[in-house]
Protein backbone atom coordinates (compact mmCIF):
# COMPACT_ATOMS: atom_id res chain seq x y z
CA MET A 1 -0.05 -0.25 -0.19
CA LYS A 2 1.25 3.93 -0.75
CA ILE A 3 0.40 6.53 1.33
CA ALA A 4 1.21 10.05 0.93
CA ILE A 5 1.41 12.67 3.97
CA PRO A 6 1.49 16.63 3.53
CA MET A 7 4.80 17.96 4.80
CA PHE A 8 4.77 21.35 7.00
CA HIS A 9 8.34 20.97 8.48
CA THR A 10 7.99 17.66 10.70
CA LYS A 11 3.88 18.10 10.92
CA ILE A 12 0.84 17.01 8.93
CA SER A 13 0.67 20.18 6.09
CA PRO A 14 -3.05 22.23 7.89
CA ARG A 15 -3.43 22.53 3.69
CA PHE A 16 -2.99 20.08 1.16
CA ASP A 17 -2.93 23.33 -1.36
CA GLN A 18 -0.14 25.01 0.04
CA THR A 19 2.03 22.31 1.20
CA GLN A 20 5.47 22.00 -0.22
CA GLY A 21 6.25 18.28 -0.23
CA PHE A 22 5.37 14.83 0.71
CA VAL A 23 6.60 12.15 2.86
CA LEU A 24 5.68 9.08 0.54
CA LEU A 25 5.66 5.59 1.87
CA GLU A 26 5.47 2.04 1.46
CA THR A 27 3.55 -0.26 3.62
CA GLN A 28 3.57 -4.05 4.08
CA ASN A 29 1.93 -6.31 7.16
CA ALA A 30 1.74 -3.48 9.28
CA GLY A 31 5.10 -2.24 8.87
CA VAL A 32 6.81 0.48 6.38
CA VAL A 33 9.27 -1.12 3.76
CA ALA A 34 10.20 2.11 1.92
CA ARG A 35 10.33 5.78 2.80
CA ASP A 36 10.55 8.35 0.84
CA ASN A 37 10.35 12.62 0.30
CA LEU A 38 8.42 14.51 -2.83
CA THR A 39 9.28 18.16 -2.89
CA THR A 40 6.33 20.20 -4.98
CA LYS A 41 7.34 23.83 -3.75
CA GLY A 42 6.21 26.37 -6.57
CA TRP A 43 3.91 23.45 -7.96
CA SER A 44 0.45 24.21 -8.93
CA VAL A 45 -2.18 21.82 -6.31
CA ILE A 46 -3.37 20.26 -9.67
CA ALA A 47 0.19 19.02 -10.62
CA LYS A 48 0.30 17.65 -6.88
CA MET A 49 -3.06 15.83 -7.75
CA LYS A 50 -1.89 14.36 -11.26
CA GLN A 51 1.81 13.73 -9.56
CA LEU A 52 -0.22 11.51 -6.20
CA VAL A 53 -2.55 9.79 -9.29
CA ASP A 54 0.33 9.13 -11.49
CA LEU A 55 2.60 7.09 -8.29
CA GLU A 56 -0.86 5.16 -7.64
CA VAL A 57 -1.17 6.13 -3.90
CA ASP A 58 -3.63 4.29 -2.36
CA VAL A 59 -4.48 6.82 0.86
CA LEU A 60 -3.56 10.45 1.58
CA ILE A 61 -3.49 11.72 5.27
CA CYS A 62 -3.84 15.27 5.13
CA GLY A 63 -5.38 18.49 6.88
CA GLY A 64 -7.01 20.90 5.18
CA ILE A 65 -8.40 20.04 1.87
CA ASP A 66 -10.38 21.72 -0.93
CA ARG A 67 -13.64 20.22 -1.84
CA ALA A 68 -11.94 19.85 -5.96
CA SER A 69 -8.49 17.92 -4.80
CA LEU A 70 -11.07 15.73 -2.57
CA GLN A 71 -13.40 15.09 -5.33
CA TYR A 72 -10.56 14.41 -7.97
CA LEU A 73 -8.46 11.95 -5.79
CA SER A 74 -11.64 10.42 -4.57
CA PHE A 75 -12.61 9.83 -8.07
CA ASN A 76 -8.94 8.22 -8.65
CA GLY A 77 -9.36 5.91 -5.86
CA VAL A 78 -7.38 7.57 -3.37
CA LYS A 79 -9.19 7.35 0.19
CA ILE A 80 -8.39 10.07 2.44
CA TYR A 81 -7.95 10.84 5.82
CA SER A 82 -8.90 14.91 6.00
CA TRP A 83 -8.50 17.20 8.64
CA VAL A 84 -5.81 15.08 10.00
CA THR A 85 -3.44 17.26 12.55
CA GLY A 86 -0.10 16.25 14.26
CA GLU A 87 3.07 15.54 13.89
CA VAL A 88 3.52 13.28 10.13
CA ASP A 89 5.47 10.54 12.42
CA ASP A 90 2.90 10.20 14.50
CA ALA A 91 0.17 9.76 11.85
CA VAL A 92 2.44 7.10 10.47
CA THR A 93 2.30 4.99 13.60
CA CYS A 94 -1.05 5.98 13.86
CA PHE A 95 -2.17 4.61 10.60
CA LEU A 96 -0.22 1.41 10.61
CA ASP A 97 -1.77 0.57 14.42
CA ASN A 98 -5.58 0.88 12.15
CA ARG A 99 -7.05 3.76 14.38
CA MET A 100 -6.57 6.82 11.61
CA LYS A 101 -9.89 8.40 11.44
CA PRO A 102 -10.65 11.50 9.33
CA GLY A 103 -10.73 14.92 11.62
CA ILE A 104 -8.41 13.53 14.86
CA ILE A 105 -6.20 15.42 16.68
CA LEU A 106 -2.75 13.41 16.73
CA GLY A 107 -0.59 13.28 20.78
CA ASP A 108 2.65 11.21 20.92
CA LYS A 109 2.73 8.08 19.45
CA GLY A 110 -0.18 8.48 17.28
CA LYS A 111 -2.78 8.25 20.34
CA MET A 112 -5.66 10.30 19.61
CA LYS A 113 -6.04 13.49 21.93
CA GLY A 114 -9.03 15.41 20.14
CA ARG A 115 -11.21 15.66 17.35
CA TRP A 116 -12.27 18.31 15.08
CA GLN A 117 -16.21 19.09 14.28
CA PHE A 118 -17.60 21.11 11.61
CA CYS A 119 -20.18 23.53 11.97
CA LYS A 120 -23.76 23.47 10.84
CA GLY A 121 -24.47 24.51 7.63
CA ARG A 122 -20.97 26.22 7.22
CA ASN A 123 -17.88 25.17 5.10
CA HIS A 124 -15.82 26.11 8.57
CA LEU A 125 -13.55 23.67 10.75
CA CYS A 126 -14.57 24.07 14.55
CA ASN A 127 -12.58 23.10 17.59
CA MET A 128 -13.59 20.64 19.82
CA PHE A 129 -14.99 23.22 21.72
CA GLN A 130 -17.04 24.71 19.29
CA THR A 131 -19.27 22.26 18.35
CA GLY A 132 -22.71 23.46 17.01
CA PHE A 133 -21.45 27.32 16.96
CA TYR A 134 -23.18 28.17 13.79
CA LYS A 135 -27.11 26.88 13.56
CA GLY A 136 -27.93 28.50 10.39
CA GLU A 137 -28.08 31.75 10.74
CA LYS A 138 -26.25 34.82 9.15
CA ARG A 139 -23.42 35.89 11.28
CA MET A 140 -21.05 38.88 10.81
CA ILE A 141 -18.12 38.27 9.59
CA HIS A 142 -15.29 38.47 12.60
CA ILE A 143 -11.49 39.66 12.05
CA LEU A 144 -8.88 39.16 14.28
CA VAL A 145 -6.31 42.34 14.33
CA VAL A 146 -3.01 41.45 15.40
CA SER A 147 -0.50 44.61 15.88
CA GLU A 148 1.41 46.56 18.64
CA ASN A 149 0.19 49.68 16.99
CA TYR A 150 -0.66 50.63 13.58
CA LEU A 151 -3.19 48.05 12.36
CA SER A 152 -5.14 48.56 15.59
CA THR A 153 -5.24 52.55 15.47
CA SER A 154 -5.82 52.83 11.48
CA ALA A 155 -7.33 54.21 8.65
CA PHE A 156 -7.22 50.37 7.74
CA LYS A 157 -9.00 49.53 10.59
CA THR A 158 -11.13 52.47 10.42
CA ALA A 159 -12.36 50.92 6.99
CA LEU A 160 -13.02 47.64 8.66
CA ASP A 161 -15.46 49.16 11.32
CA GLU A 162 -17.32 50.69 8.93
CA SER A 163 -17.73 47.83 6.86
CA ASP A 164 -20.41 45.74 8.79
CA VAL A 165 -17.59 43.55 9.56
CA LYS A 166 -16.70 42.65 13.58
CA THR A 167 -12.84 43.03 14.88
CA THR A 168 -10.77 41.84 17.24
CA CYS A 169 -7.44 44.14 18.75
CA LEU A 170 -5.02 41.93 20.25
CA GLU A 171 -1.22 43.28 20.69
CA SER A 172 0.74 39.90 20.79
CA GLY A 173 0.92 36.60 19.10
CA ARG A 174 0.15 34.79 22.47
CA LYS A 175 -2.55 36.32 22.55
CA ALA A 176 -3.94 35.59 19.46
CA LEU A 177 -2.63 31.89 19.19
CA SER A 178 -4.89 31.79 23.17
CA ALA A 179 -7.87 33.73 20.86
CA VAL A 180 -8.05 31.64 18.18
CA SER A 181 -8.45 28.37 19.96
CA GLU A 182 -11.41 29.75 21.82
CA LYS A 183 -13.27 31.70 19.52
CA VAL A 184 -14.00 31.39 15.54
CA PHE A 185 -12.85 33.76 13.26
CA ASP A 186 -12.64 34.23 9.91
CA LEU A 187 -10.11 36.21 9.16
CA LEU A 188 -6.66 36.69 10.76
CA VAL A 189 -4.38 39.88 9.92
CA THR A 190 -1.33 40.55 11.42
CA ASP A 191 1.48 42.98 11.24
CA GLU A 192 5.18 41.94 10.39
CA ASN A 193 6.08 41.97 14.15
CA VAL A 194 3.37 41.39 16.64
CA GLY A 195 5.89 41.57 19.76
CA ASP A 196 6.34 37.78 20.69
CA MET A 197 6.88 36.42 17.07
CA THR A 198 6.90 37.48 13.64
CA GLY A 199 3.84 37.88 11.42
CA LEU A 200 4.36 34.52 9.65
CA GLU A 201 5.36 32.91 12.68
CA LEU A 202 2.29 33.39 14.22
CA ILE A 203 0.69 32.56 10.98
CA GLY A 204 2.43 29.43 10.96
CA SER A 205 1.66 28.72 14.18
CA VAL A 206 -2.15 29.86 13.77
CA ILE A 207 -3.05 27.16 10.76
CA ALA A 208 -1.81 24.36 13.25
CA LYS A 209 -4.79 24.94 15.42
CA GLN A 210 -6.95 26.46 12.01
CA PRO A 211 -5.84 25.27 8.76
CA MET A 212 -8.85 27.06 7.14
CA LEU A 213 -8.31 30.50 8.56
CA ASN A 214 -7.95 32.92 6.05
CA CYS A 215 -4.84 35.27 7.06
CA ALA A 216 -3.10 38.68 5.66
CA ALA A 217 0.18 39.74 6.85
CA VAL A 218 1.63 43.03 6.63
CA SER A 219 5.79 42.49 5.15
CA SER A 220 7.82 45.83 4.17
CA LEU A 221 9.37 42.73 1.72
CA SER A 222 9.02 42.48 -1.91
CA PRO A 223 6.15 40.33 -3.84
CA GLY A 224 8.61 37.56 -4.91
CA ASP A 225 10.37 37.74 -1.54
CA PHE A 226 7.48 37.83 0.10
CA HIS A 227 6.18 34.73 -1.66
CA GLU A 228 9.35 32.65 -0.88
CA ALA A 229 9.14 33.20 2.85
CA SER A 230 5.93 32.62 3.04
CA GLU A 231 5.43 29.68 0.38
CA GLY A 232 3.11 26.84 2.40
CA LEU A 233 1.15 29.40 4.43
CA GLY A 234 -2.14 30.07 2.10
CA ILE A 235 -2.03 33.81 2.60
CA LEU A 236 -4.62 35.71 1.27
CA MET A 237 -3.42 38.90 1.19
CA GLN A 238 -0.03 40.81 1.34
CA LEU A 239 -0.06 44.35 2.83
CA PRO A 240 1.91 47.56 2.68
CA VAL A 241 3.59 48.65 5.68
CA GLU A 242 0.45 51.77 5.70
CA ALA A 243 -2.21 49.70 5.07
CA GLY A 244 -5.19 51.53 4.50
CA LYS A 245 -8.72 51.90 3.09
CA LYS A 246 -8.46 50.53 -0.31
CA GLU A 247 -6.53 47.15 0.68
CA ALA A 248 -9.00 47.15 3.64
CA ASP A 249 -11.70 46.96 0.67
CA GLN A 250 -9.51 44.74 -1.75
CA LEU A 251 -9.22 42.47 1.86
CA LEU A 252 -12.76 42.30 2.29
CA GLU A 253 -13.73 41.38 -1.34
CA HIS A 254 -10.88 38.52 -1.46
CA LEU A 255 -12.42 37.26 1.63
CA LYS A 256 -16.34 37.55 0.68
CA LYS A 257 -15.68 35.52 -2.25
CA ILE A 258 -13.68 33.09 -1.01
CA GLN A 259 -16.61 32.50 1.18
CA ALA A 260 -18.77 32.29 -1.23
CA LEU A 261 -17.51 29.39 -2.81
CA GLY A 262 -17.67 27.38 0.26
């Protein structure tokens, strides 16, 4: 049996479409007989899917995955365990022990320490403490803004407030990580540095908790350098250092288009 697991460093990539590589395994008699890495940096999601099919992969263990990829791979005979969170090696152990299930949060040695559950009526994943948060009602967009100063007091923030969205402002990465574990947000907007970590470090930690949370980041890097630094994070939009109303309007437009697809 051939197994593929998208990687984000040593963890399962929180988003299939943004992974920069896969661990490829071949198993026999509940043991691994071959292991290799497939680098997919810069590949389109279509190229990744086709490569897995060409390699005759039987099983995909992944985090978040878009509907089109799920349907394409399933149609081509790939069994998918999606929304799995944890270390790649723990996922391998869990699978070999015949305990793998979609939506599990893995602990040490592949033991399950929690389950993800979908909210009712929405293409959104909430943690185990937020089950049933939505009852099908229309809900205001909720944006988490993380900035020590500028973003929380700027024309950018004012434009968000005037666009009929709810904003929560926090000044550190630590507080933001705590917030996304307890509440549901549609978008995270982070400054380039947030005191105790960089904005990109914050996004990397956040998507490990909420794989499909949309994110935007302020950065002084050139577009090319930003793409290189943020590859694998699935960032919705790069914002200039002095983001204003124009960027806020563009960001909300992008977000609403994505939500309409769900």
